[in-house]
Protein backbone atom coordinates (compact mmCIF):
# COMPACT_ATOMS: atom_id res chain seq x y z
CA MET A 1 85.55 52.51 88.68
CA MET A 2 83.22 55.38 89.53
CA ARG A 3 85.96 57.22 91.44
CA PHE A 4 88.24 56.89 88.42
CA ARG A 5 85.63 58.46 86.14
CA VAL A 6 84.99 61.33 88.54
CA SER A 7 88.70 62.04 88.94
CA VAL A 8 89.22 61.99 85.15
CA LEU A 9 86.26 64.35 84.73
CA VAL A 10 87.64 66.70 87.39
CA LEU A 11 91.03 66.72 85.66
CA LEU A 12 89.44 67.45 82.28
CA VAL A 13 87.42 70.34 83.73
CA ALA A 14 90.51 71.73 85.45
CA ALA A 15 92.54 71.48 82.24
CA SER A 16 89.78 73.18 80.25
CA LEU A 17 89.52 76.01 82.74
CA ALA A 18 93.29 76.46 82.75
CA ALA A 19 93.39 76.56 78.95
CA PHE A 20 90.53 79.06 78.85
CA ALA A 21 92.19 81.24 81.48
CA PHE A 22 95.43 81.19 79.49
CA THR A 23 93.75 82.25 76.25
CA ALA A 24 91.67 84.90 77.98
CA VAL A 25 94.69 86.43 79.68
CA ALA A 26 97.61 85.77 77.33
CA LEU A 27 96.10 86.30 73.90
CA PRO A 28 94.87 89.88 74.33
CA ALA A 29 98.37 90.90 75.37
CA VAL A 30 99.77 89.25 72.25
CA SER A 31 97.07 90.56 69.91
CA GLY A 32 98.32 94.12 69.97
CA LYS A 33 97.18 95.99 73.05
CA ASP A 34 100.62 97.58 73.10
CA GLU A 35 100.11 98.65 69.49
CA SER A 36 100.88 102.32 68.92
CA LEU A 37 98.19 104.64 67.69
CA ASP A 38 99.88 105.03 64.30
CA GLN A 39 100.03 101.26 63.88
CA LEU A 40 96.38 100.98 64.83
CA ILE A 41 95.43 103.66 62.29
CA ALA A 42 97.37 101.86 59.56
CA ARG A 43 95.75 98.56 60.50
CA ALA A 44 92.31 100.14 60.41
CA GLU A 45 92.88 101.59 56.96
CA SER A 46 93.91 98.21 55.57
CA ALA A 47 91.37 96.08 57.47
CA ARG A 48 88.34 94.41 55.98
CA PRO A 49 85.35 96.77 55.80
CA GLU A 50 83.38 94.86 58.47
CA ASP A 51 86.35 95.09 60.89
CA ARG A 52 86.91 98.81 60.46
CA PRO A 53 84.21 100.15 62.79
CA ALA A 54 85.72 98.47 65.88
CA LEU A 55 89.21 99.62 64.99
CA TYR A 56 88.16 103.21 64.29
CA LEU A 57 86.20 103.28 67.55
CA ASP A 58 89.25 102.05 69.44
CA ILE A 59 91.28 104.90 67.92
CA ALA A 60 88.53 107.40 68.78
CA ARG A 61 88.41 106.11 72.39
CA GLN A 62 92.16 106.54 72.75
CA LYS A 63 91.94 110.06 71.33
CA ALA A 64 89.07 110.82 73.73
CA GLU A 65 91.21 109.67 76.66
CA ALA A 66 94.02 111.86 75.40
CA ALA A 67 91.66 114.85 75.11
CA ASP A 68 90.46 114.26 78.68
CA LYS A 69 94.04 114.21 79.97
CA LEU A 70 94.95 117.31 77.98
CA TYR A 71 91.98 119.27 79.27
CA ASN A 72 92.74 118.17 82.83
CA ALA A 73 96.33 119.37 82.33
CA GLY A 74 95.04 122.74 81.11
CA ASP A 75 96.16 122.35 77.49
CA ALA A 76 92.99 123.36 75.68
CA GLU A 77 94.60 123.77 72.24
CA ALA A 78 95.94 120.20 72.18
CA GLY A 79 92.65 119.04 73.63
CA ASN A 80 90.81 120.66 70.73
CA THR A 81 93.09 118.87 68.27
CA ALA A 82 92.34 115.56 69.97
CA LEU A 83 88.62 116.36 69.81
CA HIS A 84 88.90 116.92 66.06
CA ASP A 85 90.54 113.49 65.76
CA VAL A 86 87.77 111.91 67.85
CA VAL A 87 85.17 113.29 65.46
CA THR A 88 87.16 112.19 62.40
CA PHE A 89 87.59 108.60 63.52
CA SER A 90 84.06 108.37 64.93
CA LYS A 91 82.76 109.49 61.55
CA LYS A 92 84.85 106.84 59.82
CA ALA A 93 83.48 104.21 62.21
CA THR A 94 79.94 105.40 61.61
CA ASP A 95 80.33 105.40 57.84
CA ALA A 96 81.93 101.94 57.86
CA SER A 97 79.12 100.56 60.05
CA ILE A 98 76.39 101.98 57.86
CA ASP A 99 78.09 100.91 54.62
CA THR A 100 78.57 97.29 55.75
CA GLY A 101 75.48 97.02 57.95
CA LYS A 102 77.72 95.45 60.61
CA LYS A 103 78.45 96.60 64.18
CA LEU A 104 75.74 99.27 64.04
CA LYS A 105 74.64 98.68 67.62
CA ASN A 106 78.19 98.53 69.00
CA THR A 107 79.11 101.74 67.21
CA GLU A 108 76.03 103.55 68.50
CA ILE A 109 76.72 102.43 72.07
CA ALA A 110 80.36 103.53 71.88
CA LEU A 111 79.34 106.93 70.51
CA ARG A 112 76.80 107.33 73.30
CA LYS A 113 79.43 106.55 75.93
CA MET A 114 81.88 109.01 74.36
CA THR A 115 79.17 111.66 74.33
CA GLU A 116 78.52 111.11 78.03
CA LYS A 117 82.24 111.34 78.72
CA PHE A 118 82.50 114.63 76.85
CA ARG A 119 79.53 116.03 78.76
CA ASP A 120 81.39 115.24 81.97
CA ILE A 121 84.57 116.84 80.62
CA LYS A 122 82.62 119.93 79.54
CA ARG A 123 81.46 120.49 83.11
CA THR A 124 85.05 120.58 84.36
CA VAL A 125 86.67 123.01 81.90
CA ALA A 126 86.59 126.82 81.74
CA PHE A 127 83.68 128.45 79.96
CA GLU A 128 85.89 129.56 77.05
CA ASP A 129 86.91 125.95 76.38
CA GLN A 130 83.38 124.51 76.40
CA ALA A 131 82.37 125.48 72.83
CA PRO A 132 84.59 122.95 70.99
CA ILE A 133 83.53 120.23 73.40
CA GLN A 134 79.85 121.04 72.80
CA GLN A 135 80.47 121.00 69.05
CA THR A 136 82.03 117.54 69.37
CA ILE A 137 79.05 116.36 71.43
CA ASP A 138 76.65 117.67 68.77
CA GLU A 139 78.55 115.94 65.97
CA LEU A 140 78.65 112.65 67.89
CA GLU A 141 74.90 112.89 68.51
CA LYS A 142 74.32 113.47 64.79
CA MET A 143 76.33 110.31 64.06
CA ARG A 144 74.23 108.39 66.61
CA THR A 145 71.07 109.63 64.92
CA ASP A 146 72.38 108.43 61.56
CA LEU A 147 73.17 105.01 63.05
CA LEU A 148 69.74 104.73 64.66
CA SER A 149 68.12 105.69 61.36
CA ALA A 150 70.15 102.99 59.61
CA MET A 151 69.05 100.44 62.21
CA PHE A 152 65.40 101.36 62.57
CA GLY A 153 64.57 103.56 59.59
CA LYS A 154 62.55 102.44 56.60
CA LYS A 155 64.38 99.92 54.47
CA LYS A 156 64.95 100.76 50.81
CA GLY A 157 63.12 98.61 48.31
CA LYS A 158 60.23 97.64 50.56
């Protein structure tokens, strides 16, 4: 009787692990990882306010990757355009986080990581191309400061 219980328990654990592994692997692929940037932008615009920060940050991350690739390829003009998009969508994420009071910490962390990435990119490009990157870094740092103030600043009405 004891062996029967142990074998049933082992089968249940194995089935649970298999189901978890399936959802962890299969669902992200179905949920839209192959979604184009335009589709992601449209989804972010129509999403609930508390879901917007994560979507805007995902767009900003993709634009940051594009900027990195463009600068590595030597296309500074297109890289500058991508940097402008990074700032635009990062600002939208910051504003959405502050307005809803949700995802403040995640937004701040993502902005910090993007800032570090742009500092690394800045070290690899020609001197003439560093000014727009530094401007982007400064704007991202200002957004981080705004987020930190929203998290730890004095609360209104108290």
